[in-house]
């Protein structure tokens, strides 16, 4: 809910902490968009389920989490 992946399921699947300053600085919006489309690691792919506009909105949402 806060982007930190500090939930049981988040820990179980190794979810990314979206507030981590180092990660935020090193990942581009294009990389995030590609990850949403293709689904890295345990994350399912959403490229066929979401429009490009929805993916762009999701990238903006991830960027909106406050940095630690």
C-alpha atoms as a PDB file:
ATOM      1  CA  UNK A   1       0.000   0.000   0.000  1.00  0.00           C
ATOM      2  CA  UNK A   2       2.909   2.379   0.724  1.00  0.00           C
ATOM      3  CA  UNK A   3       5.177   1.022  -2.025  1.00  0.00           C
ATOM      4  CA  UNK A   4       7.671  -0.539   0.355  1.00  0.00           C
ATOM      5  CA  UNK A   5       6.704  -4.202  -0.234  1.00  0.00           C
ATOM      6  CA  UNK A   6       6.785  -4.871   3.509  1.00  0.00           C
ATOM      7  CA  UNK A   7       3.964  -7.385   3.469  1.00  0.00           C
ATOM      8  CA  UNK A   8       4.020 -11.136   3.796  1.00  0.00           C
ATOM      9  CA  UNK A   9       3.327 -11.609   0.095  1.00  0.00           C
ATOM     10  CA  UNK A  10       5.782  -8.862  -0.881  1.00  0.00           C
ATOM     11  CA  UNK A  11       8.552 -10.565   1.048  1.00  0.00           C
ATOM     12  CA  UNK A  12       7.532 -13.975  -0.260  1.00  0.00           C
ATOM     13  CA  UNK A  13       7.934 -12.957  -3.911  1.00  0.00           C
ATOM     14  CA  UNK A  14      10.818 -10.517  -3.405  1.00  0.00           C
ATOM     15  CA  UNK A  15       8.805  -7.473  -4.435  1.00  0.00           C
ATOM     16  CA  UNK A  16      10.662  -4.232  -5.152  1.00  0.00           C
ATOM     17  CA  UNK A  17      10.635  -1.410  -2.586  1.00  0.00           C
ATOM     18  CA  UNK A  18       9.416   1.480  -4.756  1.00  0.00           C
ATOM     19  CA  UNK A  19      10.580   4.059  -2.202  1.00  0.00           C
ATOM     20  CA  UNK A  20      14.239   3.006  -2.299  1.00  0.00           C
ATOM     21  CA  UNK A  21      16.214   6.040  -3.500  1.00  0.00           C
ATOM     22  CA  UNK A  22      18.961   3.980  -5.163  1.00  0.00           C
ATOM     23  CA  UNK A  23      16.466   1.881  -7.131  1.00  0.00           C
ATOM     24  CA  UNK A  24      14.450   4.969  -8.131  1.00  0.00           C
ATOM     25  CA  UNK A  25      17.591   6.672  -9.437  1.00  0.00           C
ATOM     26  CA  UNK A  26      18.725   3.631 -11.422  1.00  0.00           C
ATOM     27  CA  UNK A  27      15.498   2.554 -13.120  1.00  0.00           C
ATOM     28  CA  UNK A  28      14.023   4.468 -16.028  1.00  0.00           C
ATOM     29  CA  UNK A  29      10.358   4.840 -16.876  1.00  0.00           C
ATOM     30  CA  UNK A  30      10.973   2.741 -20.004  1.00  0.00           C
ATOM     31  CA  UNK A  31      12.466  -0.059 -17.889  1.00  0.00           C
ATOM     32  CA  UNK A  32       9.494   0.080 -15.539  1.00  0.00           C
ATOM     33  CA  UNK A  33       7.091   0.018 -18.468  1.00  0.00           C
ATOM     34  CA  UNK A  34       8.891  -2.997 -19.954  1.00  0.00           C
ATOM     35  CA  UNK A  35       8.761  -4.784 -16.583  1.00  0.00           C
ATOM     36  CA  UNK A  36       5.003  -4.237 -16.381  1.00  0.00           C
ATOM     37  CA  UNK A  37       4.551  -5.515 -19.919  1.00  0.00           C
ATOM     38  CA  UNK A  38       6.844  -8.568 -19.652  1.00  0.00           C
ATOM     39  CA  UNK A  39       6.695  -9.449 -15.953  1.00  0.00           C
ATOM     40  CA  UNK A  40      10.126  -9.981 -14.378  1.00  0.00           C
ATOM     41  CA  UNK A  41      10.734 -12.735 -11.806  1.00  0.00           C
ATOM     42  CA  UNK A  42       7.491 -13.693  -9.990  1.00  0.00           C
ATOM     43  CA  UNK A  43       5.492 -10.777 -11.397  1.00  0.00           C
ATOM     44  CA  UNK A  44       3.003 -11.712 -14.127  1.00  0.00           C
ATOM     45  CA  UNK A  45       3.114  -9.947 -17.489  1.00  0.00           C
ATOM     46  CA  UNK A  46       0.441  -7.303 -18.090  1.00  0.00           C
ATOM     47  CA  UNK A  47       1.328  -6.296 -21.654  1.00  0.00           C
ATOM     48  CA  UNK A  48      -1.775  -7.954 -23.085  1.00  0.00           C
ATOM     49  CA  UNK A  49      -4.074  -6.876 -20.256  1.00  0.00           C
ATOM     50  CA  UNK A  50      -3.294  -3.155 -19.965  1.00  0.00           C
ATOM     51  CA  UNK A  51      -3.246  -0.421 -22.577  1.00  0.00           C
ATOM     52  CA  UNK A  52      -0.133   1.711 -23.008  1.00  0.00           C
ATOM     53  CA  UNK A  53      -1.994   4.590 -21.318  1.00  0.00           C
ATOM     54  CA  UNK A  54      -2.742   2.368 -18.306  1.00  0.00           C
ATOM     55  CA  UNK A  55       0.891   1.225 -18.146  1.00  0.00           C
ATOM     56  CA  UNK A  56       2.085   4.849 -18.307  1.00  0.00           C
ATOM     57  CA  UNK A  57      -0.325   5.738 -15.493  1.00  0.00           C
ATOM     58  CA  UNK A  58       1.008   2.837 -13.425  1.00  0.00           C
ATOM     59  CA  UNK A  59       4.598   3.998 -13.953  1.00  0.00           C
ATOM     60  CA  UNK A  60       3.574   7.491 -12.785  1.00  0.00           C
ATOM     61  CA  UNK A  61       1.861   5.940  -9.758  1.00  0.00           C
ATOM     62  CA  UNK A  62       5.002   3.999  -8.822  1.00  0.00           C
ATOM     63  CA  UNK A  63       7.009   7.220  -9.155  1.00  0.00           C
ATOM     64  CA  UNK A  64       4.561   8.962  -6.793  1.00  0.00           C
ATOM     65  CA  UNK A  65       5.632   6.938  -3.740  1.00  0.00           C
ATOM     66  CA  UNK A  66       7.723   9.003  -1.349  1.00  0.00           C
ATOM     67  CA  UNK A  67      11.420   8.200  -1.174  1.00  0.00           C
ATOM     68  CA  UNK A  68      12.849   6.794   2.040  1.00  0.00           C
END
